[in-house]
Amino acid sequence: MDYLHNEVKVIHRDLNSENILLDADDNVKIADFGWSNWMPELKKKRMTICGKNEYKAPEIINKLPQTEKVDIWNIGVLIYELFTN
């Protein structure tokens, strides 16, 4: 996510367990960039309600402007799932 946010300048906005893939060498791949946005073009902040309900960041639920922080929230949900399932 650091590379995606800081180098490519993209917010995924739909990061969930179904969009995390492993290749034959167990490298993690992120899939489904359908809701993603290129941050330099975010002059008008995105406020679209998107993503799975279980993963929605507070900004999305409350219809507030979205930044890369929604992806960080999604990572937190993924980590919680890993430790509790």
C-alpha atoms as a PDB file:
ATOM      1  CA  MET A   1       0.000   0.000   0.000  1.00  0.00           C
ATOM      2  CA  ASP A   2       2.918   2.323   0.673  1.00  0.00           C
ATOM      3  CA  TYR A   3       4.046   1.923  -2.951  1.00  0.00           C
ATOM      4  CA  LEU A   4       0.496   2.325  -4.249  1.00  0.00           C
ATOM      5  CA  HIS A   5      -0.113   5.494  -2.224  1.00  0.00           C
ATOM      6  CA  ASN A   6       3.286   7.201  -2.381  1.00  0.00           C
ATOM      7  CA  GLU A   7       4.731   6.141  -5.722  1.00  0.00           C
ATOM      8  CA  VAL A   8       1.739   5.458  -7.964  1.00  0.00           C
ATOM      9  CA  LYS A   9      -0.564   7.902  -6.103  1.00  0.00           C
ATOM     10  CA  VAL A  10      -3.585   5.574  -6.194  1.00  0.00           C
ATOM     11  CA  ILE A  11      -6.280   4.969  -3.573  1.00  0.00           C
ATOM     12  CA  HIS A  12      -7.792   1.480  -3.900  1.00  0.00           C
ATOM     13  CA  ARG A  13     -10.997   2.071  -1.849  1.00  0.00           C
ATOM     14  CA  ASP A  14     -12.157  -1.579  -2.023  1.00  0.00           C
ATOM     15  CA  LEU A  15      -9.383  -3.541  -0.347  1.00  0.00           C
ATOM     16  CA  ASN A  16     -10.793  -6.758   1.128  1.00  0.00           C
ATOM     17  CA  SER A  17      -9.881 -10.432   1.465  1.00  0.00           C
ATOM     18  CA  GLU A  18     -11.281 -11.268  -1.979  1.00  0.00           C
ATOM     19  CA  ASN A  19      -9.013  -8.700  -3.603  1.00  0.00           C
ATOM     20  CA  ILE A  20      -5.784 -10.018  -2.074  1.00  0.00           C
ATOM     21  CA  LEU A  21      -4.215 -12.712  -4.244  1.00  0.00           C
ATOM     22  CA  LEU A  22      -1.070 -14.841  -4.018  1.00  0.00           C
ATOM     23  CA  ASP A  23       0.965 -15.842  -7.044  1.00  0.00           C
ATOM     24  CA  ALA A  24       2.850 -19.131  -7.470  1.00  0.00           C
ATOM     25  CA  ASP A  25       5.767 -17.728  -5.420  1.00  0.00           C
ATOM     26  CA  ASP A  26       3.477 -16.510  -2.591  1.00  0.00           C
ATOM     27  CA  ASN A  27       3.877 -12.863  -3.593  1.00  0.00           C
ATOM     28  CA  VAL A  28       0.886 -10.751  -2.601  1.00  0.00           C
ATOM     29  CA  LYS A  29      -1.025  -9.161  -5.465  1.00  0.00           C
ATOM     30  CA  ILE A  30      -3.815  -6.620  -5.125  1.00  0.00           C
ATOM     31  CA  ALA A  31      -6.734  -7.010  -7.531  1.00  0.00           C
ATOM     32  CA  ASP A  32      -9.962  -5.228  -8.526  1.00  0.00           C
ATOM     33  CA  PHE A  33      -9.133  -1.567  -8.985  1.00  0.00           C
ATOM     34  CA  GLY A  34     -12.679  -0.752 -10.090  1.00  0.00           C
ATOM     35  CA  TRP A  35     -13.263   1.805  -7.303  1.00  0.00           C
ATOM     36  CA  SER A  36      -9.690   3.134  -7.255  1.00  0.00           C
ATOM     37  CA  ASN A  37      -8.721   6.732  -7.951  1.00  0.00           C
ATOM     38  CA  TRP A  38      -5.518   8.450  -8.962  1.00  0.00           C
ATOM     39  CA  MET A  39      -4.814  10.914  -6.134  1.00  0.00           C
ATOM     40  CA  PRO A  40      -3.428  13.830  -8.228  1.00  0.00           C
ATOM     41  CA  GLU A  41      -6.832  13.981  -9.919  1.00  0.00           C
ATOM     42  CA  LEU A  42      -8.650  14.166  -6.593  1.00  0.00           C
ATOM     43  CA  LYS A  43      -9.049  17.945  -6.640  1.00  0.00           C
ATOM     44  CA  LYS A  44     -12.635  17.252  -5.724  1.00  0.00           C
ATOM     45  CA  LYS A  45     -12.475  14.584  -3.013  1.00  0.00           C
ATOM     46  CA  ARG A  46     -14.296  11.326  -3.704  1.00  0.00           C
ATOM     47  CA  MET A  47     -17.377  10.723  -1.613  1.00  0.00           C
ATOM     48  CA  THR A  48     -18.716   7.629  -3.381  1.00  0.00           C
ATOM     49  CA  ILE A  49     -20.183   4.916  -1.170  1.00  0.00           C
ATOM     50  CA  CYS A  50     -18.195   1.888  -2.262  1.00  0.00           C
ATOM     51  CA  GLY A  51     -16.731  -1.366  -0.978  1.00  0.00           C
ATOM     52  CA  LYS A  52     -18.065  -4.200   1.122  1.00  0.00           C
ATOM     53  CA  ASN A  53     -20.051  -3.195   4.182  1.00  0.00           C
ATOM     54  CA  GLU A  54     -17.732  -5.135   6.521  1.00  0.00           C
ATOM     55  CA  TYR A  55     -14.730  -3.110   5.297  1.00  0.00           C
ATOM     56  CA  LYS A  56     -16.161   0.393   4.906  1.00  0.00           C
ATOM     57  CA  ALA A  57     -14.125   3.110   6.560  1.00  0.00           C
ATOM     58  CA  PRO A  58     -15.939   5.693   8.697  1.00  0.00           C
ATOM     59  CA  GLU A  59     -15.417   8.313   5.969  1.00  0.00           C
ATOM     60  CA  ILE A  60     -17.332   6.196   3.480  1.00  0.00           C
ATOM     61  CA  ILE A  61     -20.162   5.384   5.893  1.00  0.00           C
ATOM     62  CA  ASN A  62     -20.504   9.036   6.925  1.00  0.00           C
ATOM     63  CA  LYS A  63     -20.251  10.306   3.320  1.00  0.00           C
ATOM     64  CA  LEU A  64     -17.121  12.344   4.039  1.00  0.00           C
ATOM     65  CA  PRO A  65     -14.248  13.079   1.630  1.00  0.00           C
ATOM     66  CA  GLN A  66     -12.005  10.046   1.150  1.00  0.00           C
ATOM     67  CA  THR A  67      -8.221   9.856   1.158  1.00  0.00           C
ATOM     68  CA  GLU A  68      -5.721   7.006   1.253  1.00  0.00           C
ATOM     69  CA  LYS A  69      -6.721   6.540   4.899  1.00  0.00           C
ATOM     70  CA  VAL A  70      -9.678   4.409   3.760  1.00  0.00           C
ATOM     71  CA  ASP A  71      -7.137   1.824   2.516  1.00  0.00           C
ATOM     72  CA  ILE A  72      -5.359   1.880   5.878  1.00  0.00           C
ATOM     73  CA  TRP A  73      -8.713   1.197   7.569  1.00  0.00           C
ATOM     74  CA  ASN A  74      -9.225  -1.756   5.208  1.00  0.00           C
ATOM     75  CA  ILE A  75      -5.806  -3.148   6.120  1.00  0.00           C
ATOM     76  CA  GLY A  76      -6.791  -2.945   9.790  1.00  0.00           C
ATOM     77  CA  VAL A  77      -9.953  -4.934   9.074  1.00  0.00           C
ATOM     78  CA  LEU A  78      -7.894  -7.522   7.149  1.00  0.00           C
ATOM     79  CA  ILE A  79      -5.450  -7.885  10.060  1.00  0.00           C
ATOM     80  CA  TYR A  80      -8.359  -8.279  12.487  1.00  0.00           C
ATOM     81  CA  GLU A  81      -9.781 -11.035  10.260  1.00  0.00           C
ATOM     82  CA  LEU A  82      -6.432 -12.818  10.138  1.00  0.00           C
ATOM     83  CA  PHE A  83      -6.205 -12.941  13.914  1.00  0.00           C
ATOM     84  CA  THR A  84      -9.825 -13.833  14.640  1.00  0.00           C
ATOM     85  CA  ASN A  85     -10.719 -16.366  11.913  1.00  0.00           C
END
